[in-house]
Amino acid sequence: MASETAIDATLPPGAVFATRYEVVSLLGRGAMGAVYRVVDRELGETVALKVLDVLAKPFDLDGSMVRISASVGAALFPLHGEGGQDLLKRADQAMYAAKHAGKNRFHRADG
């Protein structure tokens, strides 16, 4: 499972953070893309729910306690696409489905 890693929110769009198990890229306008190596759907859902849990915890920002939420969309290779663009498009569609379902949720691409 991916480690809980703080990512510097001041990185410019397109900046990439990578470990052996994950790649995270800031896409801009509050959007972040992540690629995790998982072996099955259940593990992928576990990772997504852990991300939501970690992001939901309040944190100190220059002396003020703040909370954020996220909507997580996921696409699985090769079920939802063979290439990065296809997978990103399907994950983006799933993320918007999560937002429309009430935000702070996880949704997997259909298929």
C-alpha atoms as a PDB file:
ATOM      1  CA  MET A   1       0.000   0.000   0.000  1.00  0.00           C
ATOM      2  CA  ALA A   2       1.142   3.527  -0.639  1.00  0.00           C
ATOM      3  CA  SER A   3       2.772   5.379   2.188  1.00  0.00           C
ATOM      4  CA  GLU A   4       1.257   8.516   3.681  1.00  0.00           C
ATOM      5  CA  THR A   5       3.451  11.173   2.134  1.00  0.00           C
ATOM      6  CA  ALA A   6       3.013  14.914   2.414  1.00  0.00           C
ATOM      7  CA  ILE A   7       3.199  16.527  -0.993  1.00  0.00           C
ATOM      8  CA  ASP A   8       4.260  20.145  -1.184  1.00  0.00           C
ATOM      9  CA  ALA A   9       1.176  21.931  -2.545  1.00  0.00           C
ATOM     10  CA  THR A  10       3.385  24.736  -3.861  1.00  0.00           C
ATOM     11  CA  LEU A  11       4.845  22.538  -6.596  1.00  0.00           C
ATOM     12  CA  PRO A  12       3.979  23.838 -10.075  1.00  0.00           C
ATOM     13  CA  PRO A  13       1.437  21.991 -12.251  1.00  0.00           C
ATOM     14  CA  GLY A  14       3.044  18.976 -13.851  1.00  0.00           C
ATOM     15  CA  ALA A  15       5.497  18.464 -10.985  1.00  0.00           C
ATOM     16  CA  VAL A  16       5.868  14.811 -10.113  1.00  0.00           C
ATOM     17  CA  PHE A  17       6.523  13.009  -6.841  1.00  0.00           C
ATOM     18  CA  ALA A  18       7.421   9.333  -7.137  1.00  0.00           C
ATOM     19  CA  THR A  19       8.250   6.363  -4.950  1.00  0.00           C
ATOM     20  CA  ARG A  20       8.578   2.686  -5.744  1.00  0.00           C
ATOM     21  CA  TYR A  21       4.812   2.201  -5.431  1.00  0.00           C
ATOM     22  CA  GLU A  22       3.229   5.462  -6.519  1.00  0.00           C
ATOM     23  CA  VAL A  23       3.509   8.421  -8.856  1.00  0.00           C
ATOM     24  CA  VAL A  24       1.673  11.616  -7.980  1.00  0.00           C
ATOM     25  CA  SER A  25       1.444  14.607 -10.290  1.00  0.00           C
ATOM     26  CA  LEU A  26      -0.114  17.992  -9.616  1.00  0.00           C
ATOM     27  CA  LEU A  27      -2.252  18.667 -12.667  1.00  0.00           C
ATOM     28  CA  GLY A  28      -3.289  22.209 -11.759  1.00  0.00           C
ATOM     29  CA  ARG A  29      -6.360  23.993 -10.364  1.00  0.00           C
ATOM     30  CA  GLY A  30      -6.465  21.759  -7.294  1.00  0.00           C
ATOM     31  CA  ALA A  31      -6.296  18.561  -9.315  1.00  0.00           C
ATOM     32  CA  MET A  32      -3.841  15.794  -8.546  1.00  0.00           C
ATOM     33  CA  GLY A  33      -3.282  12.570 -10.444  1.00  0.00           C
ATOM     34  CA  ALA A  34      -1.884   9.439  -8.849  1.00  0.00           C
ATOM     35  CA  VAL A  35      -0.792   6.101 -10.255  1.00  0.00           C
ATOM     36  CA  TYR A  36      -0.613   3.172  -7.861  1.00  0.00           C
ATOM     37  CA  ARG A  37       0.503  -0.349  -8.568  1.00  0.00           C
ATOM     38  CA  VAL A  38      -2.267  -2.564  -7.229  1.00  0.00           C
ATOM     39  CA  VAL A  39      -3.050  -6.186  -7.953  1.00  0.00           C
ATOM     40  CA  ASP A  40      -6.846  -6.157  -7.753  1.00  0.00           C
ATOM     41  CA  ARG A  41      -9.918  -3.959  -7.511  1.00  0.00           C
ATOM     42  CA  GLU A  42     -10.324  -4.378  -3.763  1.00  0.00           C
ATOM     43  CA  LEU A  43      -6.793  -3.210  -3.047  1.00  0.00           C
ATOM     44  CA  GLY A  44      -7.305  -0.238  -5.368  1.00  0.00           C
ATOM     45  CA  GLU A  45     -10.453   0.731  -3.479  1.00  0.00           C
ATOM     46  CA  THR A  46      -8.606   0.338  -0.156  1.00  0.00           C
ATOM     47  CA  VAL A  47      -5.883   2.729  -1.371  1.00  0.00           C
ATOM     48  CA  ALA A  48      -8.462   5.273  -2.595  1.00  0.00           C
ATOM     49  CA  LEU A  49     -10.381   5.181   0.691  1.00  0.00           C
ATOM     50  CA  LYS A  50      -7.130   5.584   2.647  1.00  0.00           C
ATOM     51  CA  VAL A  51      -6.299   8.678   0.568  1.00  0.00           C
ATOM     52  CA  LEU A  52      -9.740  10.115   1.390  1.00  0.00           C
ATOM     53  CA  ASP A  53      -9.234   9.323   5.078  1.00  0.00           C
ATOM     54  CA  VAL A  54      -5.796  10.967   5.228  1.00  0.00           C
ATOM     55  CA  LEU A  55      -6.983  14.078   3.383  1.00  0.00           C
ATOM     56  CA  ALA A  56     -10.046  14.448   5.650  1.00  0.00           C
ATOM     57  CA  LYS A  57      -7.919  14.875   8.785  1.00  0.00           C
ATOM     58  CA  PRO A  58      -7.590  18.499   9.917  1.00  0.00           C
ATOM     59  CA  PHE A  59      -4.117  20.015   9.648  1.00  0.00           C
ATOM     60  CA  ASP A  60      -2.369  23.198  10.671  1.00  0.00           C
ATOM     61  CA  LEU A  61      -1.848  25.784   7.937  1.00  0.00           C
ATOM     62  CA  ASP A  62       0.077  28.778   9.226  1.00  0.00           C
ATOM     63  CA  GLY A  63      -1.586  28.581  12.647  1.00  0.00           C
ATOM     64  CA  SER A  64      -5.103  27.835  11.411  1.00  0.00           C
ATOM     65  CA  MET A  65      -6.663  24.388  11.513  1.00  0.00           C
ATOM     66  CA  VAL A  66      -8.109  23.576   8.106  1.00  0.00           C
ATOM     67  CA  ARG A  67      -9.979  20.680   6.546  1.00  0.00           C
ATOM     68  CA  ILE A  68     -10.085  19.621   2.942  1.00  0.00           C
ATOM     69  CA  SER A  69     -12.013  16.974   1.101  1.00  0.00           C
ATOM     70  CA  ALA A  70     -11.404  15.142  -2.127  1.00  0.00           C
ATOM     71  CA  SER A  71     -13.260  13.252  -4.792  1.00  0.00           C
ATOM     72  CA  VAL A  72     -11.331  10.230  -6.062  1.00  0.00           C
ATOM     73  CA  GLY A  73     -11.855   8.569  -9.418  1.00  0.00           C
ATOM     74  CA  ALA A  74     -10.066   5.398 -10.445  1.00  0.00           C
ATOM     75  CA  ALA A  75      -9.423   3.530 -13.666  1.00  0.00           C
ATOM     76  CA  LEU A  76      -7.802   0.115 -13.892  1.00  0.00           C
ATOM     77  CA  PHE A  77      -5.297  -1.085 -16.490  1.00  0.00           C
ATOM     78  CA  PRO A  78      -6.106  -2.818 -18.829  1.00  0.00           C
ATOM     79  CA  LEU A  79      -9.846  -2.930 -18.025  1.00  0.00           C
ATOM     80  CA  HIS A  80     -10.443   0.790 -18.584  1.00  0.00           C
ATOM     81  CA  GLY A  81      -7.708   1.509 -21.128  1.00  0.00           C
ATOM     82  CA  GLU A  82      -4.360   0.455 -22.502  1.00  0.00           C
ATOM     83  CA  GLY A  83      -2.628   3.825 -22.454  1.00  0.00           C
ATOM     84  CA  GLY A  84      -2.137   6.698 -20.066  1.00  0.00           C
ATOM     85  CA  GLN A  85      -4.480   9.096 -21.863  1.00  0.00           C
ATOM     86  CA  ASP A  86      -7.328   6.572 -21.881  1.00  0.00           C
ATOM     87  CA  LEU A  87      -6.829   5.748 -18.213  1.00  0.00           C
ATOM     88  CA  LEU A  88      -6.604   9.416 -17.224  1.00  0.00           C
ATOM     89  CA  LYS A  89      -9.814  10.203 -19.120  1.00  0.00           C
ATOM     90  CA  ARG A  90     -11.701   7.333 -17.469  1.00  0.00           C
ATOM     91  CA  ALA A  91     -10.354   8.238 -14.007  1.00  0.00           C
ATOM     92  CA  ASP A  92     -11.363  11.871 -14.575  1.00  0.00           C
ATOM     93  CA  GLN A  93     -14.892  10.806 -15.537  1.00  0.00           C
ATOM     94  CA  ALA A  94     -15.060   8.636 -12.414  1.00  0.00           C
ATOM     95  CA  MET A  95     -13.851  11.541 -10.257  1.00  0.00           C
ATOM     96  CA  TYR A  96     -16.651  13.764 -11.571  1.00  0.00           C
ATOM     97  CA  ALA A  97     -19.143  10.970 -10.847  1.00  0.00           C
ATOM     98  CA  ALA A  98     -17.827  10.965  -7.248  1.00  0.00           C
ATOM     99  CA  LYS A  99     -18.253  14.762  -7.046  1.00  0.00           C
ATOM    100  CA  HIS A 100     -21.816  14.577  -8.354  1.00  0.00           C
ATOM    101  CA  ALA A 101     -22.627  11.829  -5.830  1.00  0.00           C
ATOM    102  CA  GLY A 102     -21.876  14.197  -2.945  1.00  0.00           C
ATOM    103  CA  LYS A 103     -18.125  14.866  -2.944  1.00  0.00           C
ATOM    104  CA  ASN A 104     -15.546  13.362  -0.585  1.00  0.00           C
ATOM    105  CA  ARG A 105     -16.180   9.996  -2.236  1.00  0.00           C
ATOM    106  CA  PHE A 106     -14.517   7.323  -4.325  1.00  0.00           C
ATOM    107  CA  HIS A 107     -15.843   6.108  -7.668  1.00  0.00           C
ATOM    108  CA  ARG A 108     -14.331   3.536 -10.021  1.00  0.00           C
ATOM    109  CA  ALA A 109     -14.739   3.857 -13.789  1.00  0.00           C
ATOM    110  CA  ASP A 110     -17.530   1.725 -15.230  1.00  0.00           C
ATOM    111  CA  GLY A 111     -16.592  -1.340 -17.156  1.00  0.00           C
END
